[in-house]
Structures are given as structure tokens and as C-alpha cells.
Amino acid sequence: MILGAIEAGGTKFVCAVGDEHGRIHKREVFPTTVPEETMANVIEFFRPHGIEAIGVGSFGPIDLRPSSPTYGYITSTPKQAWTNFDFVGTLKQHFPVPIGFDTDVNAAALGELRWGAAQGLDSCLYMTVGTGIGVGAVVEGRLLHGLLHPEMGHIVVRRHPDDAFAGICPYHGDCLEGMASGPAIERRWGKKGAELAARNEVWELEAFYLAQAIADYIFILSPEKVIVGGGVMKQTHVLPLVHRYVQEWLGGYIQHEAVLTNIEAYIVLPGLGDNAGISGALALAAAALE
């Protein structure tokens, strides 16, 4: 198969041509500007390749309901130029092929299940911690959808008793994204995370919030693997702190060796590295063609 893949992020679009085995043959990155400019770059990239299907993992919120008149749209995004943009329809005008469409984090979860850290399992959860916090999940072999799609980055978290930071989410203030995203770290401490690597108190607080959320996801979805990626997790000392705090938040209630004695193999970094999203988009394309 000759498949097209798009990882549509708020900062950049990653486009690739690959196959149903997750192999990437050609890849380019474009800045996310306005739809007219960005999509022109996307269309020009794919035009010579004779692609048979396209998979899209997009920033959101997006409409995933096939019966909806706005299926395939980016809907109420804070990126105003992209509000109510017909993503799938625009691609269909130029490429009359099957198109798989889902959230960027659901795509990454699918990529990790198919070819990465969760390979061979039936379920996994993928969490990205960067400019925002997003979470995707595969449950019993299927991507998790519902009324819309999961927005697990916006769950309410219990505030640390020593933390007076108001939070930065424009919708909720001190939700998880408002307290623990990359911009939240910068706003709270006055420097970007990369400049705070040696400040233990920064990462203890970060792990406190991330682990609280992961514990909630474990209670609710019981995933067989938890994968945590994104720019903030490039700070390699954060994950061991997350492991410790997750065990504290679970409080011994989940009696399984994965969290009691083997948590380092249960909550892990992406097996596909920075290719989780684009690989998952290839998997969406393959599924659309099937």
C-alpha cells in the first residue's frame, strides 16, 4: 500500500508517505499557519505519490461522528483561523481516497499499540505533555470515542497544598493542562522547562499532577500500558518521579504486579519516540482502506 499520513499539530504539520507496516518512505514538516497556506503545502507534498488512503491525527477539538454534518471538521479550537475548518472535506477535494480521521493522541496511541511500546496488547493509553496535555486510548482493540472524543487533559486535579498557582487554562483555570502543561511550567516558574532541569521542586510538583491524572486513568480505563510522551517528558528525571507518585495515588488499591512491583515497565516513554503520531496516522490510513 502507498499511504499518506498527517500529524496535524498546533505548531507544525508532519506529513509522510509510508505503508501498512508503519515504514515511512518520505517525510516533511510544515509550520501550522492558516489553513489555506498549510493545506496547500500538504496537498503539494502528497500530489506526486499516488496515495491509496490518508490517515489524519489532528489537534482538536474535532468532530468524529460520521452522521454529523460537520464530520471531519476541526471545531471549537483556540487556534481561531482553524475554527470550523473542514479538514477531511478539503483533502477529499484533491484526493478521492479513503480517509481515516482521529485525534492526534488517539493516533499516537494506535501507533504505539501497533508498532511501539504497547505492541501485542489489547489496550493502552497515550499521554502527551507539551504545549498542551492530550490523552488518547485504545480499549479492547478500538480507539476510544463517545459523545465527542476524550479530553483527558482537562480533568480536575487535586491541588498540591503548597501550590498557589492559578493555572492557565482559558476554560478551566487549574485543570490538569492548566497546571502541568509546558506553558504552565513556564508561567509558574518564570522560565521554560529546559532551563529548570536542575530544580528538583519543579519536577516534584509536575510529577505530582501528572501521576494524579495517570492514577485516575488507571482507575477508569485499566489500560495494559501507559505511554507518556511530549516535550516535557524529554526531562528524563520526571518519569521515575511519576512512577513513585502513581503508586502513592493508587494507594495499594490496584493489586497487580504491573503497578506494585513492575511500574517501570508499565508507565513508559514512547517506543516509537517522536514518530508515534505519524505512525499512528499510517495505521488510520490502512484501516480506512480496509
C-alpha atoms as a PDB file:
ATOM      1  CA  MET A   1       0.000   0.000   0.000  1.00  0.00           C
ATOM      2  CA  ILE A   2       1.035   3.593  -0.611  1.00  0.00           C
ATOM      3  CA  LEU A   3      -0.396   5.514   2.315  1.00  0.00           C
ATOM      4  CA  GLY A   4      -0.404   9.159   3.293  1.00  0.00           C
ATOM      5  CA  ALA A   5      -0.155  10.251   6.926  1.00  0.00           C
ATOM      6  CA  ILE A   6      -0.701  13.633   8.573  1.00  0.00           C
ATOM      7  CA  GLU A   7       0.084  14.514  12.167  1.00  0.00           C
ATOM      8  CA  ALA A   8      -1.619  17.892  12.444  1.00  0.00           C
ATOM      9  CA  GLY A   9      -0.346  19.809  15.443  1.00  0.00           C
ATOM     10  CA  GLY A  10      -0.984  23.306  16.621  1.00  0.00           C
ATOM     11  CA  THR A  11       2.630  24.264  15.892  1.00  0.00           C
ATOM     12  CA  LYS A  12       3.558  22.049  12.947  1.00  0.00           C
ATOM     13  CA  PHE A  13       2.177  19.548  10.460  1.00  0.00           C
ATOM     14  CA  VAL A  14       4.147  16.350   9.904  1.00  0.00           C
ATOM     15  CA  CYS A  15       3.341  14.660   6.587  1.00  0.00           C
ATOM     16  CA  ALA A  16       4.608  11.284   5.470  1.00  0.00           C
ATOM     17  CA  VAL A  17       4.225   8.670   2.772  1.00  0.00           C
ATOM     18  CA  GLY A  18       4.579   5.114   4.029  1.00  0.00           C
ATOM     19  CA  ASP A  19       2.981   1.680   4.080  1.00  0.00           C
ATOM     20  CA  GLU A  20       0.728  -0.546   6.180  1.00  0.00           C
ATOM     21  CA  HIS A  21       3.725  -1.897   8.107  1.00  0.00           C
ATOM     22  CA  GLY A  22       4.469   1.527   9.558  1.00  0.00           C
ATOM     23  CA  ARG A  23       7.508   2.126   7.368  1.00  0.00           C
ATOM     24  CA  ILE A  24       7.967   5.805   6.492  1.00  0.00           C
ATOM     25  CA  HIS A  25       9.367   6.384   2.999  1.00  0.00           C
ATOM     26  CA  LYS A  26       9.240  10.170   2.820  1.00  0.00           C
ATOM     27  CA  ARG A  27       8.540  12.805   5.451  1.00  0.00           C
ATOM     28  CA  GLU A  28       8.270  16.600   5.598  1.00  0.00           C
ATOM     29  CA  VAL A  29       7.357  19.134   8.274  1.00  0.00           C
ATOM     30  CA  PHE A  30       5.442  22.375   7.693  1.00  0.00           C
ATOM     31  CA  PRO A  31       4.604  25.137  10.176  1.00  0.00           C
ATOM     32  CA  THR A  32       0.948  25.380  11.173  1.00  0.00           C
ATOM     33  CA  THR A  33      -0.097  28.809   9.902  1.00  0.00           C
ATOM     34  CA  VAL A  34      -3.512  29.481   8.340  1.00  0.00           C
ATOM     35  CA  PRO A  35      -5.464  26.645   6.681  1.00  0.00           C
ATOM     36  CA  GLU A  36      -5.033  27.950   3.138  1.00  0.00           C
ATOM     37  CA  GLU A  37      -1.244  28.059   3.371  1.00  0.00           C
ATOM     38  CA  THR A  38      -0.744  24.930   5.455  1.00  0.00           C
ATOM     39  CA  MET A  39      -3.096  22.762   3.399  1.00  0.00           C
ATOM     40  CA  ALA A  40      -1.514  23.963   0.148  1.00  0.00           C
ATOM     41  CA  ASN A  41       1.794  22.573   1.445  1.00  0.00           C
ATOM     42  CA  VAL A  42       0.110  19.305   2.438  1.00  0.00           C
ATOM     43  CA  ILE A  43      -1.555  18.858  -0.955  1.00  0.00           C
ATOM     44  CA  GLU A  44       1.642  19.636  -2.827  1.00  0.00           C
ATOM     45  CA  PHE A  45       3.543  17.096  -0.724  1.00  0.00           C
ATOM     46  CA  PHE A  46       1.129  14.222  -1.447  1.00  0.00           C
ATOM     47  CA  ARG A  47       0.301  15.030  -5.072  1.00  0.00           C
ATOM     48  CA  PRO A  48       3.128  13.073  -6.803  1.00  0.00           C
ATOM     49  CA  HIS A  49       2.798   9.852  -4.796  1.00  0.00           C
ATOM     50  CA  GLY A  50      -0.388   8.124  -5.963  1.00  0.00           C
ATOM     51  CA  ILE A  51      -1.545   7.521  -2.399  1.00  0.00           C
ATOM     52  CA  GLU A  52      -4.327   4.980  -1.826  1.00  0.00           C
ATOM     53  CA  ALA A  53      -5.575   6.324   1.528  1.00  0.00           C
ATOM     54  CA  ILE A  54      -4.774   9.073   4.022  1.00  0.00           C
ATOM     55  CA  GLY A  55      -4.723   8.943   7.812  1.00  0.00           C
ATOM     56  CA  VAL A  56      -5.028  12.138   9.848  1.00  0.00           C
ATOM     57  CA  GLY A  57      -4.301  12.598  13.534  1.00  0.00           C
ATOM     58  CA  SER A  58      -5.347  16.172  14.302  1.00  0.00           C
ATOM     59  CA  PHE A  59      -5.317  18.696  17.094  1.00  0.00           C
ATOM     60  CA  GLY A  60      -8.823  19.478  18.211  1.00  0.00           C
ATOM     61  CA  PRO A  61     -11.492  19.519  19.263  1.00  0.00           C
ATOM     62  CA  ILE A  62     -12.640  17.670  16.146  1.00  0.00           C
ATOM     63  CA  ASP A  63     -15.907  16.100  15.009  1.00  0.00           C
ATOM     64  CA  LEU A  64     -15.593  12.305  14.735  1.00  0.00           C
ATOM     65  CA  ARG A  65     -19.294  11.444  14.338  1.00  0.00           C
ATOM     66  CA  PRO A  66     -19.821  10.099  10.792  1.00  0.00           C
ATOM     67  CA  SER A  67     -23.510  11.061  10.890  1.00  0.00           C
ATOM     68  CA  SER A  68     -22.754  14.687  11.760  1.00  0.00           C
ATOM     69  CA  PRO A  69     -22.914  17.436   9.114  1.00  0.00           C
ATOM     70  CA  THR A  70     -19.556  18.659  10.431  1.00  0.00           C
ATOM     71  CA  TYR A  71     -17.827  15.259  10.459  1.00  0.00           C
ATOM     72  CA  GLY A  72     -14.147  15.731   9.670  1.00  0.00           C
ATOM     73  CA  TYR A  73     -14.060  19.329  10.929  1.00  0.00           C
ATOM     74  CA  ILE A  74     -11.768  20.957  13.430  1.00  0.00           C
ATOM     75  CA  THR A  75     -14.414  22.637  15.586  1.00  0.00           C
ATOM     76  CA  SER A  76     -14.016  24.961  18.586  1.00  0.00           C
ATOM     77  CA  THR A  77     -10.228  25.151  18.627  1.00  0.00           C
ATOM     78  CA  PRO A  78      -8.426  28.056  20.335  1.00  0.00           C
ATOM     79  CA  LYS A  79      -6.495  28.428  17.031  1.00  0.00           C
ATOM     80  CA  GLN A  80      -9.046  30.833  15.581  1.00  0.00           C
ATOM     81  CA  ALA A  81      -8.020  30.522  11.927  1.00  0.00           C
ATOM     82  CA  TRP A  82      -8.834  26.792  12.108  1.00  0.00           C
ATOM     83  CA  THR A  83     -12.219  27.078  13.847  1.00  0.00           C
ATOM     84  CA  ASN A  84     -14.879  25.098  11.916  1.00  0.00           C
ATOM     85  CA  PHE A  85     -12.347  24.048   9.259  1.00  0.00           C
ATOM     86  CA  ASP A  86     -13.446  21.136   7.046  1.00  0.00           C
ATOM     87  CA  PHE A  87     -10.236  19.103   7.218  1.00  0.00           C
ATOM     88  CA  VAL A  88     -11.480  15.856   5.653  1.00  0.00           C
ATOM     89  CA  GLY A  89     -13.555  17.675   3.024  1.00  0.00           C
ATOM     90  CA  THR A  90     -10.568  19.738   1.921  1.00  0.00           C
ATOM     91  CA  LEU A  91      -8.443  16.606   1.489  1.00  0.00           C
ATOM     92  CA  LYS A  92     -11.268  14.856  -0.401  1.00  0.00           C
ATOM     93  CA  GLN A  93     -11.386  17.676  -2.959  1.00  0.00           C
ATOM     94  CA  HIS A  94      -7.851  16.779  -4.035  1.00  0.00           C
ATOM     95  CA  PHE A  95      -7.546  13.092  -3.114  1.00  0.00           C
ATOM     96  CA  PRO A  96     -10.704  10.975  -3.654  1.00  0.00           C
ATOM     97  CA  VAL A  97      -9.425   8.148  -1.455  1.00  0.00           C
ATOM     98  CA  PRO A  98     -10.488   6.707   1.930  1.00  0.00           C
ATOM     99  CA  ILE A  99      -9.508   8.990   4.811  1.00  0.00           C
ATOM    100  CA  GLY A 100      -9.083   7.926   8.430  1.00  0.00           C
ATOM    101  CA  PHE A 101      -9.578  10.810  10.858  1.00  0.00           C
ATOM    102  CA  ASP A 102      -8.990  10.946  14.606  1.00  0.00           C
ATOM    103  CA  THR A 103      -7.310  12.990  17.325  1.00  0.00           C
ATOM    104  CA  ASP A 104      -3.545  13.325  17.325  1.00  0.00           C
ATOM    105  CA  VAL A 105      -3.274  11.498  20.652  1.00  0.00           C
ATOM    106  CA  ASN A 106      -5.609   8.689  19.601  1.00  0.00           C
ATOM    107  CA  ALA A 107      -3.421   8.254  16.531  1.00  0.00           C
ATOM    108  CA  ALA A 108      -0.323   8.101  18.727  1.00  0.00           C
ATOM    109  CA  ALA A 109      -1.983   5.514  20.971  1.00  0.00           C
ATOM    110  CA  LEU A 110      -2.813   3.418  17.902  1.00  0.00           C
ATOM    111  CA  GLY A 111       0.754   3.725  16.590  1.00  0.00           C
ATOM    112  CA  GLU A 112       2.189   2.590  19.910  1.00  0.00           C
ATOM    113  CA  LEU A 113      -0.238  -0.334  20.057  1.00  0.00           C
ATOM    114  CA  ARG A 114       0.546  -1.431  16.503  1.00  0.00           C
ATOM    115  CA  TRP A 115       4.321  -0.960  16.397  1.00  0.00           C
ATOM    116  CA  GLY A 116       5.589   0.568  19.652  1.00  0.00           C
ATOM    117  CA  ALA A 117       5.643   0.151  23.413  1.00  0.00           C
ATOM    118  CA  ALA A 118       2.186  -1.496  23.569  1.00  0.00           C
ATOM    119  CA  GLN A 119       2.695  -3.898  20.673  1.00  0.00           C
ATOM    120  CA  GLY A 120       0.826  -7.156  21.164  1.00  0.00           C
ATOM    121  CA  LEU A 121      -1.539  -5.747  23.797  1.00  0.00           C
ATOM    122  CA  ASP A 122      -5.264  -5.112  23.611  1.00  0.00           C
ATOM    123  CA  SER A 123      -5.293  -1.681  25.266  1.00  0.00           C
ATOM    124  CA  CYS A 124      -3.061   1.269  26.011  1.00  0.00           C
ATOM    125  CA  LEU A 125      -3.167   4.914  26.952  1.00  0.00           C
ATOM    126  CA  TYR A 126      -1.001   7.588  25.341  1.00  0.00           C
ATOM    127  CA  MET A 127      -0.446  10.897  27.140  1.00  0.00           C
ATOM    128  CA  THR A 128       1.430  13.814  25.640  1.00  0.00           C
ATOM    129  CA  VAL A 129       2.709  16.607  27.891  1.00  0.00           C
ATOM    130  CA  GLY A 130       3.859  19.654  25.979  1.00  0.00           C
ATOM    131  CA  THR A 131       2.206  22.850  24.749  1.00  0.00           C
ATOM    132  CA  GLY A 132      -0.995  21.212  25.959  1.00  0.00           C
ATOM    133  CA  ILE A 133      -1.852  17.909  27.580  1.00  0.00           C
ATOM    134  CA  GLY A 134      -3.730  15.382  25.499  1.00  0.00           C
ATOM    135  CA  VAL A 135      -4.583  11.737  26.086  1.00  0.00           C
ATOM    136  CA  GLY A 136      -5.690   9.041  23.667  1.00  0.00           C
ATOM    137  CA  ALA A 137      -6.705   5.485  24.394  1.00  0.00           C
ATOM    138  CA  VAL A 138      -7.236   2.135  22.751  1.00  0.00           C
ATOM    139  CA  VAL A 139      -9.709  -0.029  24.679  1.00  0.00           C
ATOM    140  CA  GLU A 140     -10.318  -3.664  23.688  1.00  0.00           C
ATOM    141  CA  GLY A 141      -8.550  -3.025  20.403  1.00  0.00           C
ATOM    142  CA  ARG A 142     -10.628   0.037  19.477  1.00  0.00           C
ATOM    143  CA  LEU A 143      -9.917   3.749  19.692  1.00  0.00           C
ATOM    144  CA  LEU A 144     -11.960   5.399  22.420  1.00  0.00           C
ATOM    145  CA  HIS A 145     -14.739   7.684  21.174  1.00  0.00           C
ATOM    146  CA  GLY A 146     -18.063   8.727  22.650  1.00  0.00           C
ATOM    147  CA  LEU A 147     -20.162  11.875  22.794  1.00  0.00           C
ATOM    148  CA  LEU A 148     -17.193  13.610  21.128  1.00  0.00           C
ATOM    149  CA  HIS A 149     -13.756  12.269  21.979  1.00  0.00           C
ATOM    150  CA  PRO A 150     -11.835  12.057  25.250  1.00  0.00           C
ATOM    151  CA  GLU A 151     -10.455  15.321  26.644  1.00  0.00           C
ATOM    152  CA  MET A 152      -8.464  13.801  29.476  1.00  0.00           C
ATOM    153  CA  GLY A 153      -6.025  16.703  29.575  1.00  0.00           C
ATOM    154  CA  HIS A 154      -8.756  18.840  31.116  1.00  0.00           C
ATOM    155  CA  ILE A 155      -9.679  16.694  34.104  1.00  0.00           C
ATOM    156  CA  VAL A 156      -9.953  18.330  37.511  1.00  0.00           C
ATOM    157  CA  VAL A 157      -6.936  17.607  39.720  1.00  0.00           C
ATOM    158  CA  ARG A 158      -6.434  17.958  43.444  1.00  0.00           C
ATOM    159  CA  ARG A 159      -4.222  20.955  44.125  1.00  0.00           C
ATOM    160  CA  HIS A 160      -0.893  20.460  45.900  1.00  0.00           C
ATOM    161  CA  PRO A 161      -1.206  22.046  49.364  1.00  0.00           C
ATOM    162  CA  ASP A 162       1.850  24.260  48.750  1.00  0.00           C
ATOM    163  CA  ASP A 163       0.843  25.367  45.243  1.00  0.00           C
ATOM    164  CA  ALA A 164      -0.918  28.723  44.902  1.00  0.00           C
ATOM    165  CA  PHE A 165      -0.581  28.910  41.092  1.00  0.00           C
ATOM    166  CA  ALA A 166      -3.905  29.877  39.495  1.00  0.00           C
ATOM    167  CA  GLY A 167      -3.483  27.738  36.353  1.00  0.00           C
ATOM    168  CA  ILE A 168      -3.521  28.883  32.738  1.00  0.00           C
ATOM    169  CA  CYS A 169      -6.333  27.006  31.014  1.00  0.00           C
ATOM    170  CA  PRO A 170      -8.654  29.637  29.485  1.00  0.00           C
ATOM    171  CA  TYR A 171     -11.637  27.334  30.080  1.00  0.00           C
ATOM    172  CA  HIS A 172     -10.951  25.800  33.493  1.00  0.00           C
ATOM    173  CA  GLY A 173      -8.007  27.607  35.075  1.00  0.00           C
ATOM    174  CA  ASP A 174      -6.464  24.888  37.223  1.00  0.00           C
ATOM    175  CA  CYS A 175      -7.357  21.712  35.332  1.00  0.00           C
ATOM    176  CA  LEU A 176      -4.514  19.289  34.536  1.00  0.00           C
ATOM    177  CA  GLU A 177      -3.451  21.182  31.398  1.00  0.00           C
ATOM    178  CA  GLY A 178      -3.724  24.478  33.238  1.00  0.00           C
ATOM    179  CA  MET A 179      -1.401  23.237  35.989  1.00  0.00           C
ATOM    180  CA  ALA A 180       1.088  20.900  34.291  1.00  0.00           C
ATOM    181  CA  SER A 181       1.491  21.734  30.585  1.00  0.00           C
ATOM    182  CA  GLY A 182       4.739  23.208  29.278  1.00  0.00           C
ATOM    183  CA  PRO A 183       3.337  26.780  29.258  1.00  0.00           C
ATOM    184  CA  ALA A 184       2.027  26.256  32.800  1.00  0.00           C
ATOM    185  CA  ILE A 185       5.533  25.333  33.944  1.00  0.00           C
ATOM    186  CA  GLU A 186       6.928  28.467  32.290  1.00  0.00           C
ATOM    187  CA  ARG A 187       4.241  30.736  33.741  1.00  0.00           C
ATOM    188  CA  ARG A 188       4.597  29.322  37.249  1.00  0.00           C
ATOM    189  CA  TRP A 189       8.398  29.358  37.437  1.00  0.00           C
ATOM    190  CA  GLY A 190       9.277  32.194  35.017  1.00  0.00           C
ATOM    191  CA  LYS A 191      11.457  30.018  32.771  1.00  0.00           C
ATOM    192  CA  LYS A 192      10.969  27.283  30.206  1.00  0.00           C
ATOM    193  CA  GLY A 193      11.218  23.724  31.448  1.00  0.00           C
ATOM    194  CA  ALA A 194      14.525  23.142  29.664  1.00  0.00           C
ATOM    195  CA  GLU A 195      16.059  25.928  31.777  1.00  0.00           C
ATOM    196  CA  LEU A 196      14.776  24.390  35.006  1.00  0.00           C
ATOM    197  CA  ALA A 197      16.288  20.925  34.691  1.00  0.00           C
ATOM    198  CA  ALA A 198      18.252  21.168  37.949  1.00  0.00           C
ATOM    199  CA  ARG A 199      15.323  22.468  40.035  1.00  0.00           C
ATOM    200  CA  ASN A 200      14.013  19.377  41.823  1.00  0.00           C
ATOM    201  CA  GLU A 201      10.981  21.202  43.213  1.00  0.00           C
ATOM    202  CA  VAL A 202       9.786  21.942  39.657  1.00  0.00           C
ATOM    203  CA  TRP A 203       9.679  18.295  38.682  1.00  0.00           C
ATOM    204  CA  GLU A 204       8.346  17.003  42.003  1.00  0.00           C
ATOM    205  CA  LEU A 205       5.339  19.288  41.527  1.00  0.00           C
ATOM    206  CA  GLU A 206       4.992  18.337  37.865  1.00  0.00           C
ATOM    207  CA  ALA A 207       5.060  14.635  38.715  1.00  0.00           C
ATOM    208  CA  PHE A 208       2.512  15.191  41.492  1.00  0.00           C
ATOM    209  CA  TYR A 209      -0.063  16.407  38.943  1.00  0.00           C
ATOM    210  CA  LEU A 210       0.791  14.034  36.097  1.00  0.00           C
ATOM    211  CA  ALA A 211       0.756  10.996  38.376  1.00  0.00           C
ATOM    212  CA  GLN A 212      -2.562  12.009  39.902  1.00  0.00           C
ATOM    213  CA  ALA A 213      -4.093  12.089  36.424  1.00  0.00           C
ATOM    214  CA  ILE A 214      -2.490   8.788  35.389  1.00  0.00           C
ATOM    215  CA  ALA A 215      -3.822   7.144  38.538  1.00  0.00           C
ATOM    216  CA  ASP A 216      -7.302   8.373  37.622  1.00  0.00           C
ATOM    217  CA  TYR A 217      -6.933   6.948  34.103  1.00  0.00           C
ATOM    218  CA  ILE A 218      -5.822   3.609  35.550  1.00  0.00           C
ATOM    219  CA  PHE A 219      -8.850   3.531  37.857  1.00  0.00           C
ATOM    220  CA  ILE A 220     -11.238   4.349  34.993  1.00  0.00           C
ATOM    221  CA  LEU A 221      -9.806   2.592  31.910  1.00  0.00           C
ATOM    222  CA  SER A 222      -7.420  -0.029  33.355  1.00  0.00           C
ATOM    223  CA  PRO A 223      -5.024   0.173  30.372  1.00  0.00           C
ATOM    224  CA  GLU A 224      -2.467  -2.582  29.868  1.00  0.00           C
ATOM    225  CA  LYS A 225       0.255   0.005  29.159  1.00  0.00           C
ATOM    226  CA  VAL A 226       0.605   3.741  29.861  1.00  0.00           C
ATOM    227  CA  ILE A 227       2.841   5.693  27.476  1.00  0.00           C
ATOM    228  CA  VAL A 228       3.865   9.263  28.265  1.00  0.00           C
ATOM    229  CA  GLY A 229       5.457  11.479  25.614  1.00  0.00           C
ATOM    230  CA  GLY A 230       5.711  15.127  24.623  1.00  0.00           C
ATOM    231  CA  GLY A 231       8.324  17.803  25.130  1.00  0.00           C
ATOM    232  CA  VAL A 232       8.101  17.961  28.923  1.00  0.00           C
ATOM    233  CA  MET A 233       8.965  14.266  29.145  1.00  0.00           C
ATOM    234  CA  LYS A 234      12.308  14.939  27.459  1.00  0.00           C
ATOM    235  CA  GLN A 235      13.321  15.740  31.045  1.00  0.00           C
ATOM    236  CA  THR A 236      14.289  12.144  31.742  1.00  0.00           C
ATOM    237  CA  HIS A 237      14.265  12.541  35.529  1.00  0.00           C
ATOM    238  CA  VAL A 238      10.487  13.163  35.510  1.00  0.00           C
ATOM    239  CA  LEU A 239       9.332   9.613  34.746  1.00  0.00           C
ATOM    240  CA  PRO A 240      10.815   7.977  37.877  1.00  0.00           C
ATOM    241  CA  LEU A 241       9.065  10.648  39.968  1.00  0.00           C
ATOM    242  CA  VAL A 242       5.814   9.869  38.155  1.00  0.00           C
ATOM    243  CA  HIS A 243       6.264   6.169  38.962  1.00  0.00           C
ATOM    244  CA  ARG A 244       6.614   6.924  42.668  1.00  0.00           C
ATOM    245  CA  TYR A 245       3.669   9.304  42.805  1.00  0.00           C
ATOM    246  CA  VAL A 246       1.376   6.981  40.808  1.00  0.00           C
ATOM    247  CA  GLN A 247       1.971   4.258  43.384  1.00  0.00           C
ATOM    248  CA  GLU A 248       1.154   6.749  46.144  1.00  0.00           C
ATOM    249  CA  TRP A 249      -2.057   7.905  44.447  1.00  0.00           C
ATOM    250  CA  LEU A 250      -3.185   4.314  43.809  1.00  0.00           C
ATOM    251  CA  GLY A 251      -2.616   3.602  47.495  1.00  0.00           C
ATOM    252  CA  GLY A 252      -2.278  -0.149  47.086  1.00  0.00           C
ATOM    253  CA  TYR A 253      -5.853  -0.454  45.796  1.00  0.00           C
ATOM    254  CA  ILE A 254      -4.879  -1.862  42.394  1.00  0.00           C
ATOM    255  CA  GLN A 255      -3.426  -5.253  43.298  1.00  0.00           C
ATOM    256  CA  HIS A 256      -1.461  -6.034  40.159  1.00  0.00           C
ATOM    257  CA  GLU A 257       2.271  -6.570  39.768  1.00  0.00           C
ATOM    258  CA  ALA A 258       2.354  -4.042  36.901  1.00  0.00           C
ATOM    259  CA  VAL A 259       1.837  -1.201  39.381  1.00  0.00           C
ATOM    260  CA  LEU A 260       3.066  -2.811  42.580  1.00  0.00           C
ATOM    261  CA  THR A 261       6.471  -4.177  41.518  1.00  0.00           C
ATOM    262  CA  ASN A 262       6.998  -3.517  37.807  1.00  0.00           C
ATOM    263  CA  ILE A 263       5.804   0.026  37.292  1.00  0.00           C
ATOM    264  CA  GLU A 264       8.941   0.997  35.316  1.00  0.00           C
ATOM    265  CA  ALA A 265       7.762  -1.355  32.553  1.00  0.00           C
ATOM    266  CA  TYR A 266       4.121  -0.291  32.847  1.00  0.00           C
ATOM    267  CA  ILE A 267       4.384   3.509  32.573  1.00  0.00           C
ATOM    268  CA  VAL A 268       6.939   4.136  29.853  1.00  0.00           C
ATOM    269  CA  LEU A 269       8.190   6.601  27.254  1.00  0.00           C
ATOM    270  CA  PRO A 270       7.018   6.099  23.643  1.00  0.00           C
ATOM    271  CA  GLY A 271       8.558   3.101  21.921  1.00  0.00           C
ATOM    272  CA  LEU A 272       8.296   4.976  18.613  1.00  0.00           C
ATOM    273  CA  GLY A 273       9.831   8.150  20.022  1.00  0.00           C
ATOM    274  CA  ASP A 274       8.676  11.225  18.117  1.00  0.00           C
ATOM    275  CA  ASN A 275       7.147   9.020  15.370  1.00  0.00           C
ATOM    276  CA  ALA A 276       4.216   7.749  17.455  1.00  0.00           C
ATOM    277  CA  GLY A 277       1.728  10.204  15.936  1.00  0.00           C
ATOM    278  CA  ILE A 278       2.757   9.897  12.300  1.00  0.00           C
ATOM    279  CA  SER A 279       2.989   6.101  12.571  1.00  0.00           C
ATOM    280  CA  GLY A 280      -0.491   6.044  14.055  1.00  0.00           C
ATOM    281  CA  ALA A 281      -1.725   8.159  11.139  1.00  0.00           C
ATOM    282  CA  LEU A 282      -0.386   5.467   8.782  1.00  0.00           C
ATOM    283  CA  ALA A 283      -2.380   2.911  10.773  1.00  0.00           C
ATOM    284  CA  LEU A 284      -5.502   5.090  10.420  1.00  0.00           C
ATOM    285  CA  ALA A 285      -4.936   5.214   6.654  1.00  0.00           C
ATOM    286  CA  ALA A 286      -4.552   1.438   6.449  1.00  0.00           C
ATOM    287  CA  ALA A 287      -7.732   0.934   8.479  1.00  0.00           C
ATOM    288  CA  ALA A 288      -9.645   3.352   6.236  1.00  0.00           C
ATOM    289  CA  LEU A 289      -8.550   1.425   3.167  1.00  0.00           C
ATOM    290  CA  GLU A 290      -9.590  -1.884   4.683  1.00  0.00           C
END
